Amino acid sequence: MKRSPFNLLFNRPMTSMEKMLLAIIAVYIIAVSIRSPQFLSPGTFFDLFRSGSGFMILAIGVLIVFVSGGIDVSFAPIAIVSGYSSVLLSKALAIDNLFFILIVSIVIGALLGSINALLIHFYKLPTLIVTLGTASVFHGAMAILLGMKTFTRADVPQSMLEFGSAQLFTFEFGPSRVGLSVFALVVVGVLALTWFLLYRTLIGRSVFAVGSNEESASRIGMSILVTRLFVYMYVGALAGLVGIMYFSNLAYINPAALVGTELAVIAAVVIGGAKLSGGEGTLFGTVLGVVLWQLFQNTLVHLGFGSSFNDLFFGAALVAILGFIYYRQRQANKRALVFSSN
């Protein structure tokens, strides 16, 4: 039996949710292109990719939390605290080195993530409550201890400015020159690393097992504490990476940025097919969910709609897709003679 290219690449068939999202994205792009032919240009897609890179990495982290059976809403404050702290340290030490700034931010993010894991594990508290509380604690502690000063372009480390403007390649397209941001390499690297960790390592199997049934995972010898530490430290590390990417792209440091984007990231992951109950979710589905969100946020103007319609369209898509997911689940349960009150 001949296997499809997708099956060969991911070693599994494409899910019905992924097929539906691909169809929606294709139809939407065609509709926008008909209405606004200039939309179909390399520059447009490169800009969409650049602006959505950080969002994509945050969504990958949220996916891992969902698969483990948790919900994290502290990743945006962690990104800001980590990025802001590393910039202040680099300026205090007069070390204008991107590698140093990135490592410091990632380490701080991982440490903050470990606090979430330890609170959740030892106090047996709901993940949403813990991360909702720590989100305020982390951001508030930063405001008290480090301040909330905004740095203009002149005060941003030069290595970050170069990182934010770096491109893998450029070429002439019509009257302008377009290029693909170096952020593309970062996103591809994070996707590849996450895929390897989830599907080719024991800790990845533990994440799925804990999300499916924590008690059963514990009985077969999997460490719940180690799994939770991995999940929340990994998400924190990704948030630390995004903090530097975000500031580098903006070319100024705003310690109040990113806060408030949590629900959009979570919604994109849910649209991608991840279950809030845990144990299920795919990287490809998450990528498609983020692509759909990014399209709605940046292309509705091509259809003649104002920016106020962004949330309306995305919310409508979220409700419709969630309805489809749970309708199919109920139908599957009926066929398997599994009855639920949900």
C-alpha atoms as a PDB file:
ATOM      1  CA  MET A   1       0.000   0.000   0.000  1.00  0.00           C
ATOM      2  CA  LYS A   2       1.482   3.311  -1.089  1.00  0.00           C
ATOM      3  CA  ARG A   3       1.979   5.770   1.749  1.00  0.00           C
ATOM      4  CA  SER A   4       1.314   9.492   1.364  1.00  0.00           C
ATOM      5  CA  PRO A   5       4.172  12.028   1.721  1.00  0.00           C
ATOM      6  CA  PHE A   6       2.607  13.180   5.007  1.00  0.00           C
ATOM      7  CA  ASN A   7       2.522   9.600   6.304  1.00  0.00           C
ATOM      8  CA  LEU A   8       6.150   9.083   5.350  1.00  0.00           C
ATOM      9  CA  LEU A   9       7.218  12.311   7.065  1.00  0.00           C
ATOM     10  CA  PHE A  10       5.219  12.010  10.285  1.00  0.00           C
ATOM     11  CA  ASN A  11       4.751   8.225  10.382  1.00  0.00           C
ATOM     12  CA  ARG A  12       0.978   8.643  10.797  1.00  0.00           C
ATOM     13  CA  PRO A  13      -2.019   9.583   8.680  1.00  0.00           C
ATOM     14  CA  MET A  14      -3.306  13.136   8.725  1.00  0.00           C
ATOM     15  CA  THR A  15      -6.091  13.638  11.266  1.00  0.00           C
ATOM     16  CA  SER A  16      -9.549  14.823  10.232  1.00  0.00           C
ATOM     17  CA  MET A  17      -8.950  18.074  12.140  1.00  0.00           C
ATOM     18  CA  GLU A  18      -5.725  18.737  10.246  1.00  0.00           C
ATOM     19  CA  LYS A  19      -7.483  18.066   6.941  1.00  0.00           C
ATOM     20  CA  MET A  20     -10.270  20.465   7.853  1.00  0.00           C
ATOM     21  CA  LEU A  21      -7.859  23.204   8.919  1.00  0.00           C
ATOM     22  CA  LEU A  22      -5.861  22.813   5.706  1.00  0.00           C
ATOM     23  CA  ALA A  23      -9.067  23.153   3.693  1.00  0.00           C
ATOM     24  CA  ILE A  24     -10.151  26.251   5.646  1.00  0.00           C
ATOM     25  CA  ILE A  25      -6.738  27.898   5.226  1.00  0.00           C
ATOM     26  CA  ALA A  26      -6.640  27.112   1.491  1.00  0.00           C
ATOM     27  CA  VAL A  27     -10.164  28.455   0.885  1.00  0.00           C
ATOM     28  CA  TYR A  28      -9.431  31.565   2.948  1.00  0.00           C
ATOM     29  CA  ILE A  29      -6.181  32.316   1.093  1.00  0.00           C
ATOM     30  CA  ILE A  30      -7.964  31.899  -2.251  1.00  0.00           C
ATOM     31  CA  ALA A  31     -10.767  34.237  -1.128  1.00  0.00           C
ATOM     32  CA  VAL A  32      -8.319  36.889   0.056  1.00  0.00           C
ATOM     33  CA  SER A  33      -6.261  36.562  -3.139  1.00  0.00           C
ATOM     34  CA  ILE A  34      -9.312  37.045  -5.344  1.00  0.00           C
ATOM     35  CA  ARG A  35     -10.309  40.144  -3.435  1.00  0.00           C
ATOM     36  CA  SER A  36      -6.752  41.499  -3.150  1.00  0.00           C
ATOM     37  CA  PRO A  37      -4.317  40.016  -5.730  1.00  0.00           C
ATOM     38  CA  GLN A  38      -1.317  41.740  -4.120  1.00  0.00           C
ATOM     39  CA  PHE A  39      -1.784  39.443  -1.125  1.00  0.00           C
ATOM     40  CA  LEU A  40      -0.144  36.605  -3.074  1.00  0.00           C
ATOM     41  CA  SER A  41       3.387  37.936  -2.856  1.00  0.00           C
ATOM     42  CA  PRO A  42       6.516  36.654  -1.110  1.00  0.00           C
ATOM     43  CA  GLY A  43       6.758  39.839   0.934  1.00  0.00           C
ATOM     44  CA  THR A  44       3.310  39.330   2.445  1.00  0.00           C
ATOM     45  CA  PHE A  45       4.013  35.750   3.500  1.00  0.00           C
ATOM     46  CA  PHE A  46       7.467  36.624   4.824  1.00  0.00           C
ATOM     47  CA  ASP A  47       5.963  39.408   6.934  1.00  0.00           C
ATOM     48  CA  LEU A  48       3.282  37.048   8.262  1.00  0.00           C
ATOM     49  CA  PHE A  49       5.938  34.515   9.176  1.00  0.00           C
ATOM     50  CA  ARG A  50       8.122  37.107  10.867  1.00  0.00           C
ATOM     51  CA  SER A  51       5.316  38.559  12.972  1.00  0.00           C
ATOM     52  CA  GLY A  52       3.993  35.119  13.919  1.00  0.00           C
ATOM     53  CA  SER A  53       7.288  33.414  14.834  1.00  0.00           C
ATOM     54  CA  GLY A  54       7.122  34.165  18.552  1.00  0.00           C
ATOM     55  CA  PHE A  55       3.436  33.246  18.668  1.00  0.00           C
ATOM     56  CA  MET A  56       4.258  29.907  17.027  1.00  0.00           C
ATOM     57  CA  ILE A  57       6.929  29.042  19.596  1.00  0.00           C
ATOM     58  CA  LEU A  58       4.646  29.955  22.497  1.00  0.00           C
ATOM     59  CA  ALA A  59       1.929  27.751  20.980  1.00  0.00           C
ATOM     60  CA  ILE A  60       4.355  24.812  20.796  1.00  0.00           C
ATOM     61  CA  GLY A  61       4.995  25.210  24.520  1.00  0.00           C
ATOM     62  CA  VAL A  62       1.274  25.401  25.283  1.00  0.00           C
ATOM     63  CA  LEU A  63       0.718  22.232  23.236  1.00  0.00           C
ATOM     64  CA  ILE A  64       3.109  20.296  25.484  1.00  0.00           C
ATOM     65  CA  VAL A  65       1.277  21.526  28.583  1.00  0.00           C
ATOM     66  CA  PHE A  66      -2.068  20.477  27.086  1.00  0.00           C
ATOM     67  CA  VAL A  67      -0.738  17.032  26.164  1.00  0.00           C
ATOM     68  CA  SER A  68       0.445  16.604  29.775  1.00  0.00           C
ATOM     69  CA  GLY A  69      -3.063  17.376  31.018  1.00  0.00           C
ATOM     70  CA  GLY A  70      -2.426  20.922  32.248  1.00  0.00           C
ATOM     71  CA  ILE A  71      -3.211  24.517  31.323  1.00  0.00           C
ATOM     72  CA  ASP A  72      -0.547  27.245  31.512  1.00  0.00           C
ATOM     73  CA  VAL A  73      -1.360  30.953  31.334  1.00  0.00           C
ATOM     74  CA  SER A  74       1.940  32.237  32.739  1.00  0.00           C
ATOM     75  CA  PHE A  75       4.078  31.897  29.608  1.00  0.00           C
ATOM     76  CA  ALA A  76       3.610  35.515  28.458  1.00  0.00           C
ATOM     77  CA  PRO A  77       4.732  37.054  31.788  1.00  0.00           C
ATOM     78  CA  ILE A  78       7.620  34.565  31.895  1.00  0.00           C
ATOM     79  CA  ALA A  79       8.681  35.699  28.404  1.00  0.00           C
ATOM     80  CA  ILE A  80       8.663  39.345  29.479  1.00  0.00           C
ATOM     81  CA  VAL A  81      10.372  38.795  32.841  1.00  0.00           C
ATOM     82  CA  SER A  82      13.073  36.581  31.298  1.00  0.00           C
ATOM     83  CA  GLY A  83      13.739  38.856  28.336  1.00  0.00           C
ATOM     84  CA  TYR A  84      13.701  42.065  30.376  1.00  0.00           C
ATOM     85  CA  SER A  85      15.944  40.631  33.112  1.00  0.00           C
ATOM     86  CA  SER A  86      18.514  39.352  30.614  1.00  0.00           C
ATOM     87  CA  VAL A  87      18.653  42.727  28.855  1.00  0.00           C
ATOM     88  CA  LEU A  88      19.172  44.553  32.161  1.00  0.00           C
ATOM     89  CA  LEU A  89      21.927  42.105  33.127  1.00  0.00           C
ATOM     90  CA  SER A  90      23.686  42.479  29.777  1.00  0.00           C
ATOM     91  CA  LYS A  91      23.616  46.266  30.127  1.00  0.00           C
ATOM     92  CA  ALA A  92      24.804  46.124  33.742  1.00  0.00           C
ATOM     93  CA  LEU A  93      27.729  43.872  32.785  1.00  0.00           C
ATOM     94  CA  ALA A  94      28.329  45.708  29.476  1.00  0.00           C
ATOM     95  CA  ILE A  95      28.064  42.410  27.590  1.00  0.00           C
ATOM     96  CA  ASP A  96      26.463  43.074  24.217  1.00  0.00           C
ATOM     97  CA  ASN A  97      26.396  39.470  23.034  1.00  0.00           C
ATOM     98  CA  LEU A  98      23.263  37.807  21.634  1.00  0.00           C
ATOM     99  CA  PHE A  99      24.302  34.321  22.766  1.00  0.00           C
ATOM    100  CA  PHE A 100      24.784  35.545  26.349  1.00  0.00           C
ATOM    101  CA  ILE A 101      21.437  37.370  26.357  1.00  0.00           C
ATOM    102  CA  LEU A 102      19.592  34.360  24.929  1.00  0.00           C
ATOM    103  CA  ILE A 103      21.136  31.886  27.391  1.00  0.00           C
ATOM    104  CA  VAL A 104      20.339  34.082  30.391  1.00  0.00           C
ATOM    105  CA  SER A 105      16.742  34.597  29.248  1.00  0.00           C
ATOM    106  CA  ILE A 106      16.202  30.884  28.540  1.00  0.00           C
ATOM    107  CA  VAL A 107      17.670  29.857  31.921  1.00  0.00           C
ATOM    108  CA  ILE A 108      15.511  32.381  33.798  1.00  0.00           C
ATOM    109  CA  GLY A 109      12.452  31.165  31.893  1.00  0.00           C
ATOM    110  CA  ALA A 110      13.224  27.539  32.771  1.00  0.00           C
ATOM    111  CA  LEU A 111      13.690  28.420  36.454  1.00  0.00           C
ATOM    112  CA  LEU A 112      10.367  30.271  36.563  1.00  0.00           C
ATOM    113  CA  GLY A 113       8.731  27.310  34.846  1.00  0.00           C
ATOM    114  CA  SER A 114      10.152  24.971  37.493  1.00  0.00           C
ATOM    115  CA  ILE A 115       8.354  27.025  40.162  1.00  0.00           C
ATOM    116  CA  ASN A 116       5.067  26.270  38.398  1.00  0.00           C
ATOM    117  CA  ALA A 117       5.902  22.559  38.267  1.00  0.00           C
ATOM    118  CA  LEU A 118       6.839  22.324  41.940  1.00  0.00           C
ATOM    119  CA  LEU A 119       3.742  24.209  43.118  1.00  0.00           C
ATOM    120  CA  ILE A 120       1.471  22.049  40.970  1.00  0.00           C
ATOM    121  CA  HIS A 121       3.106  18.788  42.052  1.00  0.00           C
ATOM    122  CA  PHE A 122       3.555  19.257  45.797  1.00  0.00           C
ATOM    123  CA  TYR A 123       0.427  21.272  46.558  1.00  0.00           C
ATOM    124  CA  LYS A 124      -1.810  19.257  44.196  1.00  0.00           C
ATOM    125  CA  LEU A 125      -3.362  22.442  42.859  1.00  0.00           C
ATOM    126  CA  PRO A 126      -5.104  22.875  39.482  1.00  0.00           C
ATOM    127  CA  THR A 127      -2.619  23.959  36.828  1.00  0.00           C
ATOM    128  CA  LEU A 128      -4.796  26.875  35.716  1.00  0.00           C
ATOM    129  CA  ILE A 129      -4.995  28.310  39.244  1.00  0.00           C
ATOM    130  CA  VAL A 130      -1.269  27.957  39.867  1.00  0.00           C
ATOM    131  CA  THR A 131      -0.142  29.524  36.592  1.00  0.00           C
ATOM    132  CA  LEU A 132      -2.759  32.271  36.848  1.00  0.00           C
ATOM    133  CA  GLY A 133      -1.314  33.179  40.249  1.00  0.00           C
ATOM    134  CA  THR A 134       2.347  32.908  39.264  1.00  0.00           C
ATOM    135  CA  ALA A 135       1.722  35.012  36.150  1.00  0.00           C
ATOM    136  CA  SER A 136       0.786  37.938  38.398  1.00  0.00           C
ATOM    137  CA  VAL A 137       3.553  37.155  40.893  1.00  0.00           C
ATOM    138  CA  PHE A 138       6.287  37.014  38.240  1.00  0.00           C
ATOM    139  CA  HIS A 139       5.228  40.232  36.535  1.00  0.00           C
ATOM    140  CA  GLY A 140       4.612  42.029  39.819  1.00  0.00           C
ATOM    141  CA  ALA A 141       7.975  40.967  41.240  1.00  0.00           C
ATOM    142  CA  MET A 142       9.698  42.272  38.120  1.00  0.00           C
ATOM    143  CA  ALA A 143       7.941  45.626  38.454  1.00  0.00           C
ATOM    144  CA  ILE A 144       8.991  45.942  42.117  1.00  0.00           C
ATOM    145  CA  LEU A 145      12.549  44.626  41.859  1.00  0.00           C
ATOM    146  CA  LEU A 146      13.614  45.693  38.352  1.00  0.00           C
ATOM    147  CA  GLY A 147      11.217  48.484  37.458  1.00  0.00           C
ATOM    148  CA  MET A 148       9.162  48.991  34.298  1.00  0.00           C
ATOM    149  CA  LYS A 149      11.403  51.282  32.298  1.00  0.00           C
ATOM    150  CA  THR A 150      10.907  51.255  28.538  1.00  0.00           C
ATOM    151  CA  PHE A 151      14.078  51.205  26.439  1.00  0.00           C
ATOM    152  CA  THR A 152      14.069  52.941  23.076  1.00  0.00           C
ATOM    153  CA  ARG A 153      15.983  51.691  20.061  1.00  0.00           C
ATOM    154  CA  ALA A 154      19.052  53.650  21.128  1.00  0.00           C
ATOM    155  CA  ASP A 155      19.201  51.699  24.417  1.00  0.00           C
ATOM    156  CA  VAL A 156      18.588  48.216  22.989  1.00  0.00           C
ATOM    157  CA  PRO A 157      21.766  46.064  22.745  1.00  0.00           C
ATOM    158  CA  GLN A 158      23.146  46.195  19.217  1.00  0.00           C
ATOM    159  CA  SER A 159      23.312  42.401  18.993  1.00  0.00           C
ATOM    160  CA  MET A 160      19.537  42.238  19.521  1.00  0.00           C
ATOM    161  CA  LEU A 161      18.902  44.850  16.848  1.00  0.00           C
ATOM    162  CA  GLU A 162      21.020  42.837  14.415  1.00  0.00           C
ATOM    163  CA  PHE A 163      19.182  39.651  15.382  1.00  0.00           C
ATOM    164  CA  GLY A 164      15.798  41.277  14.800  1.00  0.00           C
ATOM    165  CA  SER A 165      16.752  42.561  11.342  1.00  0.00           C
ATOM    166  CA  ALA A 166      18.817  39.552  10.187  1.00  0.00           C
ATOM    167  CA  GLN A 167      17.548  37.684   7.124  1.00  0.00           C
ATOM    168  CA  LEU A 168      18.387  34.267   5.729  1.00  0.00           C
ATOM    169  CA  PHE A 169      18.191  35.554   2.167  1.00  0.00           C
ATOM    170  CA  THR A 170      16.820  38.490   0.196  1.00  0.00           C
ATOM    171  CA  PHE A 171      15.818  39.054  -3.417  1.00  0.00           C
ATOM    172  CA  GLU A 172      14.270  41.690  -5.617  1.00  0.00           C
ATOM    173  CA  PHE A 173      10.514  41.437  -6.086  1.00  0.00           C
ATOM    174  CA  GLY A 174       9.089  44.208  -8.218  1.00  0.00           C
ATOM    175  CA  PRO A 175      10.119  47.620  -6.912  1.00  0.00           C
ATOM    176  CA  SER A 176      11.072  46.338  -3.448  1.00  0.00           C
ATOM    177  CA  ARG A 177      13.487  43.912  -1.853  1.00  0.00           C
ATOM    178  CA  VAL A 178      12.066  41.129   0.327  1.00  0.00           C
ATOM    179  CA  GLY A 179      13.710  38.567   2.559  1.00  0.00           C
ATOM    180  CA  LEU A 180      13.029  35.722   4.988  1.00  0.00           C
ATOM    181  CA  SER A 181      13.780  36.514   8.628  1.00  0.00           C
ATOM    182  CA  VAL A 182      16.338  34.449  10.529  1.00  0.00           C
ATOM    183  CA  PHE A 183      13.497  33.706  12.940  1.00  0.00           C
ATOM    184  CA  ALA A 184      12.553  30.977  10.448  1.00  0.00           C
ATOM    185  CA  LEU A 185      15.585  28.949  11.531  1.00  0.00           C
ATOM    186  CA  VAL A 186      14.628  29.361  15.183  1.00  0.00           C
ATOM    187  CA  VAL A 187      11.049  28.181  14.595  1.00  0.00           C
ATOM    188  CA  VAL A 188      12.169  25.179  12.530  1.00  0.00           C
ATOM    189  CA  GLY A 189      14.736  24.298  15.184  1.00  0.00           C
ATOM    190  CA  VAL A 190      12.156  24.467  17.983  1.00  0.00           C
ATOM    191  CA  LEU A 191       9.698  22.363  15.974  1.00  0.00           C
ATOM    192  CA  ALA A 192      12.347  19.720  15.241  1.00  0.00           C
ATOM    193  CA  LEU A 193      13.550  19.595  18.847  1.00  0.00           C
ATOM    194  CA  THR A 194      10.012  19.372  20.221  1.00  0.00           C
ATOM    195  CA  TRP A 195       9.077  16.633  17.750  1.00  0.00           C
ATOM    196  CA  PHE A 196      12.145  14.626  18.763  1.00  0.00           C
ATOM    197  CA  LEU A 197      11.483  15.066  22.490  1.00  0.00           C
ATOM    198  CA  LEU A 198       7.798  14.154  22.238  1.00  0.00           C
ATOM    199  CA  TYR A 199       7.993  11.209  19.849  1.00  0.00           C
ATOM    200  CA  ARG A 200      11.502   9.802  20.168  1.00  0.00           C
ATOM    201  CA  THR A 201      12.321   9.970  23.884  1.00  0.00           C
ATOM    202  CA  LEU A 202      11.067   8.369  27.089  1.00  0.00           C
ATOM    203  CA  ILE A 203      10.224  11.753  28.598  1.00  0.00           C
ATOM    204  CA  GLY A 204       7.981  12.463  25.605  1.00  0.00           C
ATOM    205  CA  ARG A 205       6.117   9.200  26.153  1.00  0.00           C
ATOM    206  CA  SER A 206       5.769  10.165  29.805  1.00  0.00           C
ATOM    207  CA  VAL A 207       4.149  13.469  28.823  1.00  0.00           C
ATOM    208  CA  PHE A 208       1.481  11.657  26.789  1.00  0.00           C
ATOM    209  CA  ALA A 209       1.022   9.003  29.465  1.00  0.00           C
ATOM    210  CA  VAL A 210       0.599  11.507  32.310  1.00  0.00           C
ATOM    211  CA  GLY A 211      -1.854  13.521  30.234  1.00  0.00           C
ATOM    212  CA  SER A 212      -3.913  10.438  29.390  1.00  0.00           C
ATOM    213  CA  ASN A 213      -3.996   8.962  32.895  1.00  0.00           C
ATOM    214  CA  GLU A 214      -1.694  10.227  35.617  1.00  0.00           C
ATOM    215  CA  GLU A 215      -2.408   7.360  38.016  1.00  0.00           C
ATOM    216  CA  SER A 216      -1.712   4.690  35.413  1.00  0.00           C
ATOM    217  CA  ALA A 217       1.523   6.447  34.395  1.00  0.00           C
ATOM    218  CA  SER A 218       2.661   6.472  38.017  1.00  0.00           C
ATOM    219  CA  ARG A 219       1.853   2.774  38.455  1.00  0.00           C
ATOM    220  CA  ILE A 220       4.062   1.740  35.547  1.00  0.00           C
ATOM    221  CA  GLY A 221       7.013   3.597  37.042  1.00  0.00           C
ATOM    222  CA  MET A 222       6.923   6.995  35.343  1.00  0.00           C
ATOM    223  CA  SER A 223       7.973   9.911  37.544  1.00  0.00           C
ATOM    224  CA  ILE A 224       5.186  12.483  37.649  1.00  0.00           C
ATOM    225  CA  LEU A 225       7.512  15.076  39.220  1.00  0.00           C
ATOM    226  CA  VAL A 226      10.211  14.665  36.558  1.00  0.00           C
ATOM    227  CA  THR A 227       7.593  14.837  33.801  1.00  0.00           C
ATOM    228  CA  ARG A 228       6.048  18.012  35.205  1.00  0.00           C
ATOM    229  CA  LEU A 229       9.453  19.613  35.677  1.00  0.00           C
ATOM    230  CA  PHE A 230      10.308  18.853  32.059  1.00  0.00           C
ATOM    231  CA  VAL A 231       7.008  20.220  30.741  1.00  0.00           C
ATOM    232  CA  TYR A 232       6.980  23.517  32.625  1.00  0.00           C
ATOM    233  CA  MET A 233      10.730  24.133  32.411  1.00  0.00           C
ATOM    234  CA  TYR A 234      10.615  23.509  28.666  1.00  0.00           C
ATOM    235  CA  VAL A 235       7.696  25.897  28.261  1.00  0.00           C
ATOM    236  CA  GLY A 236       9.527  28.460  30.406  1.00  0.00           C
ATOM    237  CA  ALA A 237      12.678  28.077  28.305  1.00  0.00           C
ATOM    238  CA  LEU A 238      10.693  28.616  25.099  1.00  0.00           C
ATOM    239  CA  ALA A 239       9.065  31.679  26.669  1.00  0.00           C
ATOM    240  CA  GLY A 240      12.512  33.046  27.522  1.00  0.00           C
ATOM    241  CA  LEU A 241      13.556  32.573  23.909  1.00  0.00           C
ATOM    242  CA  VAL A 242      10.421  34.346  22.677  1.00  0.00           C
ATOM    243  CA  GLY A 243      11.033  37.278  25.020  1.00  0.00           C
ATOM    244  CA  ILE A 244      14.320  38.068  23.262  1.00  0.00           C
ATOM    245  CA  MET A 245      12.848  37.450  19.804  1.00  0.00           C
ATOM    246  CA  TYR A 246       9.934  39.756  20.563  1.00  0.00           C
ATOM    247  CA  PHE A 247      12.095  42.615  21.832  1.00  0.00           C
ATOM    248  CA  SER A 248      14.562  42.153  18.960  1.00  0.00           C
ATOM    249  CA  ASN A 249      11.776  42.314  16.396  1.00  0.00           C
ATOM    250  CA  LEU A 250      10.257  45.444  17.962  1.00  0.00           C
ATOM    251  CA  ALA A 251      13.680  47.091  18.382  1.00  0.00           C
ATOM    252  CA  TYR A 252      12.613  48.499  21.733  1.00  0.00           C
ATOM    253  CA  ILE A 253      12.010  47.047  25.205  1.00  0.00           C
ATOM    254  CA  ASN A 254       8.510  47.349  26.625  1.00  0.00           C
ATOM    255  CA  PRO A 255       8.075  45.396  29.890  1.00  0.00           C
ATOM    256  CA  ALA A 256       4.294  45.577  29.573  1.00  0.00           C
ATOM    257  CA  ALA A 257       4.242  43.882  26.152  1.00  0.00           C
ATOM    258  CA  LEU A 258       2.886  40.398  25.342  1.00  0.00           C
ATOM    259  CA  VAL A 259       0.698  40.285  28.458  1.00  0.00           C
ATOM    260  CA  GLY A 260      -2.852  39.592  27.304  1.00  0.00           C
ATOM    261  CA  THR A 261      -1.932  37.288  24.417  1.00  0.00           C
ATOM    262  CA  GLU A 262      -2.369  34.117  26.491  1.00  0.00           C
ATOM    263  CA  LEU A 263      -5.938  33.337  25.432  1.00  0.00           C
ATOM    264  CA  ALA A 264      -5.148  33.807  21.736  1.00  0.00           C
ATOM    265  CA  VAL A 265      -2.253  31.342  21.948  1.00  0.00           C
ATOM    266  CA  ILE A 266      -4.348  28.805  23.861  1.00  0.00           C
ATOM    267  CA  ALA A 267      -7.211  29.186  21.381  1.00  0.00           C
ATOM    268  CA  ALA A 268      -4.873  28.579  18.426  1.00  0.00           C
ATOM    269  CA  VAL A 269      -3.600  25.355  20.033  1.00  0.00           C
ATOM    270  CA  VAL A 270      -7.140  24.173  20.755  1.00  0.00           C
ATOM    271  CA  ILE A 271      -8.147  24.913  17.167  1.00  0.00           C
ATOM    272  CA  GLY A 272      -5.215  22.727  16.143  1.00  0.00           C
ATOM    273  CA  GLY A 273      -6.888  19.747  17.813  1.00  0.00           C
ATOM    274  CA  ALA A 274      -5.248  19.609  21.259  1.00  0.00           C
ATOM    275  CA  LYS A 275      -7.615  18.377  23.953  1.00  0.00           C
ATOM    276  CA  LEU A 276      -8.022  20.324  27.184  1.00  0.00           C
ATOM    277  CA  SER A 277      -8.391  16.990  28.986  1.00  0.00           C
ATOM    278  CA  GLY A 278      -4.837  16.010  27.998  1.00  0.00           C
ATOM    279  CA  GLY A 279      -3.109  13.171  26.203  1.00  0.00           C
ATOM    280  CA  GLU A 280      -3.845  14.352  22.674  1.00  0.00           C
ATOM    281  CA  GLY A 281      -2.449  16.972  20.304  1.00  0.00           C
ATOM    282  CA  THR A 282      -0.130  17.248  17.301  1.00  0.00           C
ATOM    283  CA  LEU A 283       2.573  19.682  16.279  1.00  0.00           C
ATOM    284  CA  PHE A 284       1.218  19.932  12.738  1.00  0.00           C
ATOM    285  CA  GLY A 285      -2.261  20.731  14.043  1.00  0.00           C
ATOM    286  CA  THR A 286      -0.800  23.434  16.278  1.00  0.00           C
ATOM    287  CA  VAL A 287       1.085  24.940  13.337  1.00  0.00           C
ATOM    288  CA  LEU A 288      -2.153  25.053  11.333  1.00  0.00           C
ATOM    289  CA  GLY A 289      -4.019  26.644  14.240  1.00  0.00           C
ATOM    290  CA  VAL A 290      -1.398  29.376  14.515  1.00  0.00           C
ATOM    291  CA  VAL A 291      -1.429  29.936  10.733  1.00  0.00           C
ATOM    292  CA  LEU A 292      -5.212  30.383  10.817  1.00  0.00           C
ATOM    293  CA  TRP A 293      -4.967  32.847  13.708  1.00  0.00           C
ATOM    294  CA  GLN A 294      -2.201  34.765  11.959  1.00  0.00           C
ATOM    295  CA  LEU A 295      -4.220  34.988   8.756  1.00  0.00           C
ATOM    296  CA  PHE A 296      -7.278  36.332  10.557  1.00  0.00           C
ATOM    297  CA  GLN A 297      -5.187  38.869  12.463  1.00  0.00           C
ATOM    298  CA  ASN A 298      -3.359  40.261   9.441  1.00  0.00           C
ATOM    299  CA  THR A 299      -5.412  39.735   6.287  1.00  0.00           C
ATOM    300  CA  LEU A 300      -9.007  40.691   7.021  1.00  0.00           C
ATOM    301  CA  VAL A 301      -8.147  44.197   5.856  1.00  0.00           C
ATOM    302  CA  HIS A 302      -7.671  42.719   2.364  1.00  0.00           C
ATOM    303  CA  LEU A 303     -11.333  41.638   2.487  1.00  0.00           C
ATOM    304  CA  GLY A 304     -12.486  45.110   3.450  1.00  0.00           C
ATOM    305  CA  PHE A 305     -12.933  44.456   7.188  1.00  0.00           C
ATOM    306  CA  GLY A 306     -11.488  46.599   9.958  1.00  0.00           C
ATOM    307  CA  SER A 307      -9.210  45.303  12.695  1.00  0.00           C
ATOM    308  CA  SER A 308     -12.188  45.109  15.078  1.00  0.00           C
ATOM    309  CA  PHE A 309     -13.396  42.073  13.108  1.00  0.00           C
ATOM    310  CA  ASN A 310     -10.257  40.035  13.895  1.00  0.00           C
ATOM    311  CA  ASP A 311     -11.490  38.631  17.192  1.00  0.00           C
ATOM    312  CA  LEU A 312     -14.991  38.093  15.794  1.00  0.00           C
ATOM    313  CA  PHE A 313     -13.791  35.892  12.928  1.00  0.00           C
ATOM    314  CA  PHE A 314     -11.272  34.001  15.042  1.00  0.00           C
ATOM    315  CA  GLY A 315     -13.808  33.457  17.840  1.00  0.00           C
ATOM    316  CA  ALA A 316     -16.379  32.186  15.360  1.00  0.00           C
ATOM    317  CA  ALA A 317     -13.827  29.777  13.895  1.00  0.00           C
ATOM    318  CA  LEU A 318     -12.896  28.592  17.394  1.00  0.00           C
ATOM    319  CA  VAL A 319     -16.507  27.881  18.384  1.00  0.00           C
ATOM    320  CA  ALA A 320     -17.259  26.112  15.095  1.00  0.00           C
ATOM    321  CA  ILE A 321     -14.143  23.927  15.225  1.00  0.00           C
ATOM    322  CA  LEU A 322     -14.634  23.047  18.903  1.00  0.00           C
ATOM    323  CA  GLY A 323     -18.224  22.098  18.142  1.00  0.00           C
ATOM    324  CA  PHE A 324     -16.984  19.858  15.350  1.00  0.00           C
ATOM    325  CA  ILE A 325     -14.363  18.227  17.604  1.00  0.00           C
ATOM    326  CA  TYR A 326     -16.736  17.372  20.412  1.00  0.00           C
ATOM    327  CA  TYR A 327     -19.527  16.303  18.078  1.00  0.00           C
ATOM    328  CA  ARG A 328     -17.187  13.764  16.499  1.00  0.00           C
ATOM    329  CA  GLN A 329     -16.072  12.652  19.959  1.00  0.00           C
ATOM    330  CA  ARG A 330     -19.661  12.066  21.055  1.00  0.00           C
ATOM    331  CA  GLN A 331     -20.351  10.103  17.899  1.00  0.00           C
ATOM    332  CA  ALA A 332     -17.251   7.975  18.480  1.00  0.00           C
ATOM    333  CA  ASN A 333     -18.295   7.369  22.084  1.00  0.00           C
ATOM    334  CA  LYS A 334     -21.734   6.225  20.977  1.00  0.00           C
ATOM    335  CA  ARG A 335     -20.237   3.798  18.493  1.00  0.00           C
ATOM    336  CA  ALA A 336     -17.956   2.435  21.206  1.00  0.00           C
ATOM    337  CA  LEU A 337     -20.824   2.348  23.723  1.00  0.00           C
ATOM    338  CA  VAL A 338     -19.065   4.896  25.952  1.00  0.00           C
ATOM    339  CA  PHE A 339     -21.483   7.284  27.642  1.00  0.00           C
ATOM    340  CA  SER A 340     -20.557  10.619  29.190  1.00  0.00           C
ATOM    341  CA  SER A 341     -22.413  13.539  30.708  1.00  0.00           C
ATOM    342  CA  ASN A 342     -20.307  15.999  28.637  1.00  0.00           C
END
